[in-house]
Amino acid sequence: MNEALIGLMSKDIETIIAYADSNMKLNVAAAELGIGYKALDGRLNSIHKRSKLNPRKFRDLAKLLRIVEESWEE
């Protein structure tokens, strides 16, 4: 299992997917998740802290998506 995936919970995975699907738009992703944009901002900060990948940066978000996809294949 990838080190970045360790510690990520199902809500983190939902957050990563919703954020990517919204083209990295906080308000759109927050509405999709049914939370406020400040709560989403907190989730993204938490994901960054635990995974060492910043989902606000396109390359890191792409890495997180690839990690999530690979974990589903296992």
PDB file of N, CA and C in Angstrom:
ATOM      1  N   MET A   1       0.847  -1.184   0.000  1.00  0.00           N
ATOM      2  CA  MET A   1       0.000   0.000   0.000  1.00  0.00           C
ATOM      3  C   MET A   1       0.890   1.244   0.000  1.00  0.00           C
ATOM      4  N   ASN A   2       0.515   2.222  -0.764  1.00  0.00           N
ATOM      5  CA  ASN A   2       1.273   3.451  -0.884  1.00  0.00           C
ATOM      6  C   ASN A   2       1.256   4.213   0.437  1.00  0.00           C
ATOM      7  N   GLU A   3       2.410   4.787   0.794  1.00  0.00           N
ATOM      8  CA  GLU A   3       2.512   5.518   2.061  1.00  0.00           C
ATOM      9  C   GLU A   3       1.538   6.687   2.136  1.00  0.00           C
ATOM     10  N   ALA A   4       1.271   7.342   1.009  1.00  0.00           N
ATOM     11  CA  ALA A   4       0.363   8.486   1.011  1.00  0.00           C
ATOM     12  C   ALA A   4      -1.066   8.072   1.319  1.00  0.00           C
ATOM     13  N   LEU A   5      -1.411   6.823   1.050  1.00  0.00           N
ATOM     14  CA  LEU A   5      -2.769   6.345   1.278  1.00  0.00           C
ATOM     15  C   LEU A   5      -2.998   5.957   2.733  1.00  0.00           C
ATOM     16  N   ILE A   6      -1.918   5.647   3.435  1.00  0.00           N
ATOM     17  CA  ILE A   6      -2.040   5.253   4.837  1.00  0.00           C
ATOM     18  C   ILE A   6      -2.640   6.419   5.627  1.00  0.00           C
ATOM     19  N   GLY A   7      -3.667   6.142   6.371  1.00  0.00           N
ATOM     20  CA  GLY A   7      -4.300   7.164   7.190  1.00  0.00           C
ATOM     21  C   GLY A   7      -5.438   7.896   6.500  1.00  0.00           C
ATOM     22  N   LEU A   8      -5.599   7.699   5.191  1.00  0.00           N
ATOM     23  CA  LEU A   8      -6.720   8.332   4.517  1.00  0.00           C
ATOM     24  C   LEU A   8      -7.974   7.512   4.768  1.00  0.00           C
ATOM     25  N   MET A   9      -9.044   8.180   5.105  1.00  0.00           N
ATOM     26  CA  MET A   9     -10.307   7.520   5.400  1.00  0.00           C
ATOM     27  C   MET A   9     -11.229   7.619   4.194  1.00  0.00           C
ATOM     28  N   SER A  10     -12.346   6.933   4.259  1.00  0.00           N
ATOM     29  CA  SER A  10     -13.283   6.947   3.135  1.00  0.00           C
ATOM     30  C   SER A  10     -13.765   8.365   2.826  1.00  0.00           C
ATOM     31  N   LYS A  11     -13.952   9.202   3.861  1.00  0.00           N
ATOM     32  CA  LYS A  11     -14.385  10.574   3.594  1.00  0.00           C
ATOM     33  C   LYS A  11     -13.286  11.354   2.874  1.00  0.00           C
ATOM     34  N   ASP A  12     -12.022  11.007   3.128  1.00  0.00           N
ATOM     35  CA  ASP A  12     -10.920  11.657   2.418  1.00  0.00           C
ATOM     36  C   ASP A  12     -10.937  11.272   0.942  1.00  0.00           C
ATOM     37  N   ILE A  13     -11.204  10.017   0.673  1.00  0.00           N
ATOM     38  CA  ILE A  13     -11.265   9.545  -0.704  1.00  0.00           C
ATOM     39  C   ILE A  13     -12.433  10.210  -1.428  1.00  0.00           C
ATOM     40  N   GLU A  14     -13.589  10.299  -0.771  1.00  0.00           N
ATOM     41  CA  GLU A  14     -14.740  11.007  -1.346  1.00  0.00           C
ATOM     42  C   GLU A  14     -14.389  12.461  -1.623  1.00  0.00           C
ATOM     43  N   THR A  15     -13.664  13.077  -0.712  1.00  0.00           N
ATOM     44  CA  THR A  15     -13.267  14.468  -0.852  1.00  0.00           C
ATOM     45  C   THR A  15     -12.344  14.650  -2.050  1.00  0.00           C
ATOM     46  N   ILE A  16     -11.359  13.786  -2.178  1.00  0.00           N
ATOM     47  CA  ILE A  16     -10.410  13.855  -3.294  1.00  0.00           C
ATOM     48  C   ILE A  16     -11.150  13.730  -4.621  1.00  0.00           C
ATOM     49  N   ILE A  17     -12.048  12.767  -4.709  1.00  0.00           N
ATOM     50  CA  ILE A  17     -12.790  12.542  -5.951  1.00  0.00           C
ATOM     51  C   ILE A  17     -13.705  13.722  -6.266  1.00  0.00           C
ATOM     52  N   ALA A  18     -14.438  14.211  -5.273  1.00  0.00           N
ATOM     53  CA  ALA A  18     -15.350  15.335  -5.493  1.00  0.00           C
ATOM     54  C   ALA A  18     -14.581  16.593  -5.897  1.00  0.00           C
ATOM     55  N   TYR A  19     -13.448  16.822  -5.273  1.00  0.00           N
ATOM     56  CA  TYR A  19     -12.639  17.999  -5.586  1.00  0.00           C
ATOM     57  C   TYR A  19     -12.109  17.918  -7.018  1.00  0.00           C
ATOM     58  N   ALA A  20     -11.662  16.752  -7.411  1.00  0.00           N
ATOM     59  CA  ALA A  20     -11.177  16.569  -8.782  1.00  0.00           C
ATOM     60  C   ALA A  20     -12.319  16.699  -9.788  1.00  0.00           C
ATOM     61  N   ASP A  21     -13.461  16.084  -9.488  1.00  0.00           N
ATOM     62  CA  ASP A  21     -14.622  16.148 -10.390  1.00  0.00           C
ATOM     63  C   ASP A  21     -15.145  17.573 -10.565  1.00  0.00           C
ATOM     64  N   SER A  22     -14.912  18.420  -9.571  1.00  0.00           N
ATOM     65  CA  SER A  22     -15.388  19.807  -9.633  1.00  0.00           C
ATOM     66  C   SER A  22     -14.371  20.728 -10.296  1.00  0.00           C
ATOM     67  N   ASN A  23     -13.337  20.154 -10.898  1.00  0.00           N
ATOM     68  CA  ASN A  23     -12.252  20.951 -11.498  1.00  0.00           C
ATOM     69  C   ASN A  23     -11.570  21.836 -10.460  1.00  0.00           C
ATOM     70  N   MET A  24     -11.424  21.288  -9.253  1.00  0.00           N
ATOM     71  CA  MET A  24     -10.718  21.929  -8.156  1.00  0.00           C
ATOM     72  C   MET A  24     -11.401  23.213  -7.688  1.00  0.00           C
ATOM     73  N   LYS A  25     -12.723  23.242  -7.769  1.00  0.00           N
ATOM     74  CA  LYS A  25     -13.493  24.395  -7.304  1.00  0.00           C
ATOM     75  C   LYS A  25     -14.112  24.069  -5.947  1.00  0.00           C
ATOM     76  N   LEU A  26     -13.694  24.815  -4.926  1.00  0.00           N
ATOM     77  CA  LEU A  26     -14.134  24.539  -3.560  1.00  0.00           C
ATOM     78  C   LEU A  26     -15.644  24.567  -3.411  1.00  0.00           C
ATOM     79  N   ASN A  27     -16.289  25.604  -3.909  1.00  0.00           N
ATOM     80  CA  ASN A  27     -17.738  25.735  -3.719  1.00  0.00           C
ATOM     81  C   ASN A  27     -18.505  24.594  -4.369  1.00  0.00           C
ATOM     82  N   VAL A  28     -18.083  24.202  -5.557  1.00  0.00           N
ATOM     83  CA  VAL A  28     -18.771  23.125  -6.276  1.00  0.00           C
ATOM     84  C   VAL A  28     -18.581  21.798  -5.548  1.00  0.00           C
ATOM     85  N   ALA A  29     -17.345  21.506  -5.150  1.00  0.00           N
ATOM     86  CA  ALA A  29     -17.065  20.254  -4.446  1.00  0.00           C
ATOM     87  C   ALA A  29     -17.775  20.214  -3.096  1.00  0.00           C
ATOM     88  N   ALA A  30     -17.771  21.333  -2.384  1.00  0.00           N
ATOM     89  CA  ALA A  30     -18.439  21.389  -1.082  1.00  0.00           C
ATOM     90  C   ALA A  30     -19.929  21.105  -1.236  1.00  0.00           C
ATOM     91  N   ALA A  31     -20.557  21.687  -2.251  1.00  0.00           N
ATOM     92  CA  ALA A  31     -21.986  21.450  -2.491  1.00  0.00           C
ATOM     93  C   ALA A  31     -22.232  19.978  -2.814  1.00  0.00           C
ATOM     94  N   GLU A  32     -21.363  19.392  -3.603  1.00  0.00           N
ATOM     95  CA  GLU A  32     -21.492  17.969  -3.961  1.00  0.00           C
ATOM     96  C   GLU A  32     -21.399  17.086  -2.714  1.00  0.00           C
ATOM     97  N   LEU A  33     -20.524  17.464  -1.801  1.00  0.00           N
ATOM     98  CA  LEU A  33     -20.327  16.678  -0.585  1.00  0.00           C
ATOM     99  C   LEU A  33     -21.355  17.016   0.500  1.00  0.00           C
ATOM    100  N   GLY A  34     -22.072  18.114   0.313  1.00  0.00           N
ATOM    101  CA  GLY A  34     -23.061  18.532   1.301  1.00  0.00           C
ATOM    102  C   GLY A  34     -22.443  19.151   2.536  1.00  0.00           C
ATOM    103  N   ILE A  35     -21.295  19.815   2.353  1.00  0.00           N
ATOM    104  CA  ILE A  35     -20.607  20.478   3.463  1.00  0.00           C
ATOM    105  C   ILE A  35     -20.303  21.919   3.054  1.00  0.00           C
ATOM    106  N   GLY A  36     -19.890  22.727   3.989  1.00  0.00           N
ATOM    107  CA  GLY A  36     -19.489  24.098   3.692  1.00  0.00           C
ATOM    108  C   GLY A  36     -18.091  24.130   3.091  1.00  0.00           C
ATOM    109  N   TYR A  37     -17.786  25.219   2.391  1.00  0.00           N
ATOM    110  CA  TYR A  37     -16.473  25.292   1.760  1.00  0.00           C
ATOM    111  C   TYR A  37     -15.344  25.364   2.790  1.00  0.00           C
ATOM    112  N   LYS A  38     -15.624  25.910   3.983  1.00  0.00           N
ATOM    113  CA  LYS A  38     -14.602  25.938   5.035  1.00  0.00           C
ATOM    114  C   LYS A  38     -14.327  24.531   5.568  1.00  0.00           C
ATOM    115  N   ALA A  39     -15.359  23.712   5.645  1.00  0.00           N
ATOM    116  CA  ALA A  39     -15.170  22.315   6.059  1.00  0.00           C
ATOM    117  C   ALA A  39     -14.352  21.569   5.011  1.00  0.00           C
ATOM    118  N   LEU A  40     -14.629  21.843   3.748  1.00  0.00           N
ATOM    119  CA  LEU A  40     -13.853  21.214   2.673  1.00  0.00           C
ATOM    120  C   LEU A  40     -12.407  21.677   2.740  1.00  0.00           C
ATOM    121  N   ASP A  41     -12.196  22.953   2.990  1.00  0.00           N
ATOM    122  CA  ASP A  41     -10.842  23.477   3.128  1.00  0.00           C
ATOM    123  C   ASP A  41     -10.107  22.747   4.252  1.00  0.00           C
ATOM    124  N   GLY A  42     -10.794  22.503   5.352  1.00  0.00           N
ATOM    125  CA  GLY A  42     -10.203  21.762   6.465  1.00  0.00           C
ATOM    126  C   GLY A  42      -9.859  20.326   6.083  1.00  0.00           C
ATOM    127  N   ARG A  43     -10.737  19.684   5.327  1.00  0.00           N
ATOM    128  CA  ARG A  43     -10.458  18.318   4.877  1.00  0.00           C
ATOM    129  C   ARG A  43      -9.230  18.289   3.969  1.00  0.00           C
ATOM    130  N   LEU A  44      -9.139  19.260   3.054  1.00  0.00           N
ATOM    131  CA  LEU A  44      -7.986  19.302   2.151  1.00  0.00           C
ATOM    132  C   LEU A  44      -6.697  19.532   2.934  1.00  0.00           C
ATOM    133  N   ASN A  45      -6.756  20.392   3.955  1.00  0.00           N
ATOM    134  CA  ASN A  45      -5.584  20.608   4.816  1.00  0.00           C
ATOM    135  C   ASN A  45      -5.188  19.319   5.530  1.00  0.00           C
ATOM    136  N   SER A  46      -6.179  18.594   6.012  1.00  0.00           N
ATOM    137  CA  SER A  46      -5.919  17.343   6.718  1.00  0.00           C
ATOM    138  C   SER A  46      -5.305  16.296   5.783  1.00  0.00           C
ATOM    139  N   ILE A  47      -5.829  16.201   4.584  1.00  0.00           N
ATOM    140  CA  ILE A  47      -5.282  15.266   3.594  1.00  0.00           C
ATOM    141  C   ILE A  47      -3.832  15.622   3.295  1.00  0.00           C
ATOM    142  N   HIS A  48      -3.562  16.911   3.118  1.00  0.00           N
ATOM    143  CA  HIS A  48      -2.201  17.369   2.845  1.00  0.00           C
ATOM    144  C   HIS A  48      -1.258  17.002   3.992  1.00  0.00           C
ATOM    145  N   LYS A  49      -1.709  17.248   5.207  1.00  0.00           N
ATOM    146  CA  LYS A  49      -0.873  16.982   6.386  1.00  0.00           C
ATOM    147  C   LYS A  49      -0.544  15.487   6.506  1.00  0.00           C
ATOM    148  N   ARG A  50      -1.548  14.632   6.284  1.00  0.00           N
ATOM    149  CA  ARG A  50      -1.336  13.203   6.478  1.00  0.00           C
ATOM    150  C   ARG A  50      -0.675  12.503   5.294  1.00  0.00           C
ATOM    151  N   SER A  51      -0.941  12.961   4.087  1.00  0.00           N
ATOM    152  CA  SER A  51      -0.410  12.261   2.907  1.00  0.00           C
ATOM    153  C   SER A  51       0.878  12.890   2.390  1.00  0.00           C
ATOM    154  N   LYS A  52       1.168  14.107   2.821  1.00  0.00           N
ATOM    155  CA  LYS A  52       2.305  14.891   2.321  1.00  0.00           C
ATOM    156  C   LYS A  52       2.117  15.297   0.859  1.00  0.00           C
ATOM    157  N   LEU A  53       0.898  15.148   0.339  1.00  0.00           N
ATOM    158  CA  LEU A  53       0.559  15.596  -1.013  1.00  0.00           C
ATOM    159  C   LEU A  53      -0.519  16.655  -0.883  1.00  0.00           C
ATOM    160  N   ASN A  54      -0.335  17.782  -1.563  1.00  0.00           N
ATOM    161  CA  ASN A  54      -1.274  18.892  -1.461  1.00  0.00           C
ATOM    162  C   ASN A  54      -2.321  18.781  -2.567  1.00  0.00           C
ATOM    163  N   PRO A  55      -3.559  18.420  -2.226  1.00  0.00           N
ATOM    164  CA  PRO A  55      -4.582  18.263  -3.255  1.00  0.00           C
ATOM    165  C   PRO A  55      -4.923  19.558  -3.988  1.00  0.00           C
ATOM    166  N   ARG A  56      -4.482  20.698  -3.489  1.00  0.00           N
ATOM    167  CA  ARG A  56      -4.722  21.969  -4.179  1.00  0.00           C
ATOM    168  C   ARG A  56      -3.780  22.167  -5.360  1.00  0.00           C
ATOM    169  N   LYS A  57      -2.724  21.370  -5.408  1.00  0.00           N
ATOM    170  CA  LYS A  57      -1.788  21.413  -6.536  1.00  0.00           C
ATOM    171  C   LYS A  57      -2.171  20.308  -7.511  1.00  0.00           C
ATOM    172  N   PHE A  58      -2.296  20.659  -8.773  1.00  0.00           N
ATOM    173  CA  PHE A  58      -2.783  19.716  -9.771  1.00  0.00           C
ATOM    174  C   PHE A  58      -1.984  18.412  -9.783  1.00  0.00           C
ATOM    175  N   ARG A  59      -0.677  18.515  -9.779  1.00  0.00           N
ATOM    176  CA  ARG A  59       0.149  17.293  -9.841  1.00  0.00           C
ATOM    177  C   ARG A  59      -0.061  16.389  -8.620  1.00  0.00           C
ATOM    178  N   ASP A  60      -0.155  17.000  -7.462  1.00  0.00           N
ATOM    179  CA  ASP A  60      -0.391  16.206  -6.250  1.00  0.00           C
ATOM    180  C   ASP A  60      -1.787  15.604  -6.261  1.00  0.00           C
ATOM    181  N   LEU A  61      -2.774  16.363  -6.746  1.00  0.00           N
ATOM    182  CA  LEU A  61      -4.127  15.825  -6.847  1.00  0.00           C
ATOM    183  C   LEU A  61      -4.148  14.634  -7.808  1.00  0.00           C
ATOM    184  N   ALA A  62      -3.435  14.755  -8.916  1.00  0.00           N
ATOM    185  CA  ALA A  62      -3.357  13.645  -9.878  1.00  0.00           C
ATOM    186  C   ALA A  62      -2.710  12.422  -9.227  1.00  0.00           C
ATOM    187  N   LYS A  63      -1.679  12.633  -8.422  1.00  0.00           N
ATOM    188  CA  LYS A  63      -1.039  11.520  -7.710  1.00  0.00           C
ATOM    189  C   LYS A  63      -2.013  10.873  -6.735  1.00  0.00           C
ATOM    190  N   LEU A  64      -2.743  11.705  -5.997  1.00  0.00           N
ATOM    191  CA  LEU A  64      -3.727  11.167  -5.046  1.00  0.00           C
ATOM    192  C   LEU A  64      -4.797  10.354  -5.766  1.00  0.00           C
ATOM    193  N   LEU A  65      -5.269  10.851  -6.898  1.00  0.00           N
ATOM    194  CA  LEU A  65      -6.273  10.107  -7.671  1.00  0.00           C
ATOM    195  C   LEU A  65      -5.721   8.777  -8.155  1.00  0.00           C
ATOM    196  N   ARG A  66      -4.475   8.781  -8.606  1.00  0.00           N
ATOM    197  CA  ARG A  66      -3.849   7.534  -9.064  1.00  0.00           C
ATOM    198  C   ARG A  66      -3.703   6.553  -7.905  1.00  0.00           C
ATOM    199  N   ILE A  67      -3.331   7.050  -6.730  1.00  0.00           N
ATOM    200  CA  ILE A  67      -3.195   6.197  -5.551  1.00  0.00           C
ATOM    201  C   ILE A  67      -4.532   5.602  -5.177  1.00  0.00           C
ATOM    202  N   VAL A  68      -5.588   6.419  -5.195  1.00  0.00           N
ATOM    203  CA  VAL A  68      -6.930   5.938  -4.872  1.00  0.00           C
ATOM    204  C   VAL A  68      -7.357   4.872  -5.868  1.00  0.00           C
ATOM    205  N   GLU A  69      -7.114   5.132  -7.149  1.00  0.00           N
ATOM    206  CA  GLU A  69      -7.486   4.174  -8.193  1.00  0.00           C
ATOM    207  C   GLU A  69      -6.737   2.853  -8.017  1.00  0.00           C
ATOM    208  N   GLU A  70      -5.454   2.924  -7.731  1.00  0.00           N
ATOM    209  CA  GLU A  70      -4.659   1.709  -7.535  1.00  0.00           C
ATOM    210  C   GLU A  70      -5.127   0.923  -6.324  1.00  0.00           C
ATOM    211  N   SER A  71      -5.580   1.625  -5.274  1.00  0.00           N
ATOM    212  CA  SER A  71      -6.027   0.931  -4.078  1.00  0.00           C
ATOM    213  C   SER A  71      -7.338   0.168  -4.361  1.00  0.00           C
ATOM    214  N   TRP A  72      -8.168   0.686  -5.277  1.00  0.00           N
ATOM    215  CA  TRP A  72      -9.402  -0.006  -5.629  1.00  0.00           C
ATOM    216  C   TRP A  72      -9.110  -1.267  -6.413  1.00  0.00           C
ATOM    217  N   GLU A  73      -8.000  -1.283  -7.154  1.00  0.00           N
ATOM    218  CA  GLU A  73      -7.654  -2.441  -7.976  1.00  0.00           C
ATOM    219  C   GLU A  73      -7.102  -3.586  -7.154  1.00  0.00           C
ATOM    220  N   GLU A  74      -6.597  -3.293  -5.955  1.00  0.00           N
ATOM    221  CA  GLU A  74      -6.000  -4.341  -5.110  1.00  0.00           C
ATOM    222  C   GLU A  74      -7.038  -5.234  -4.508  1.00  0.00           C
TER     223      GLU A  74
END
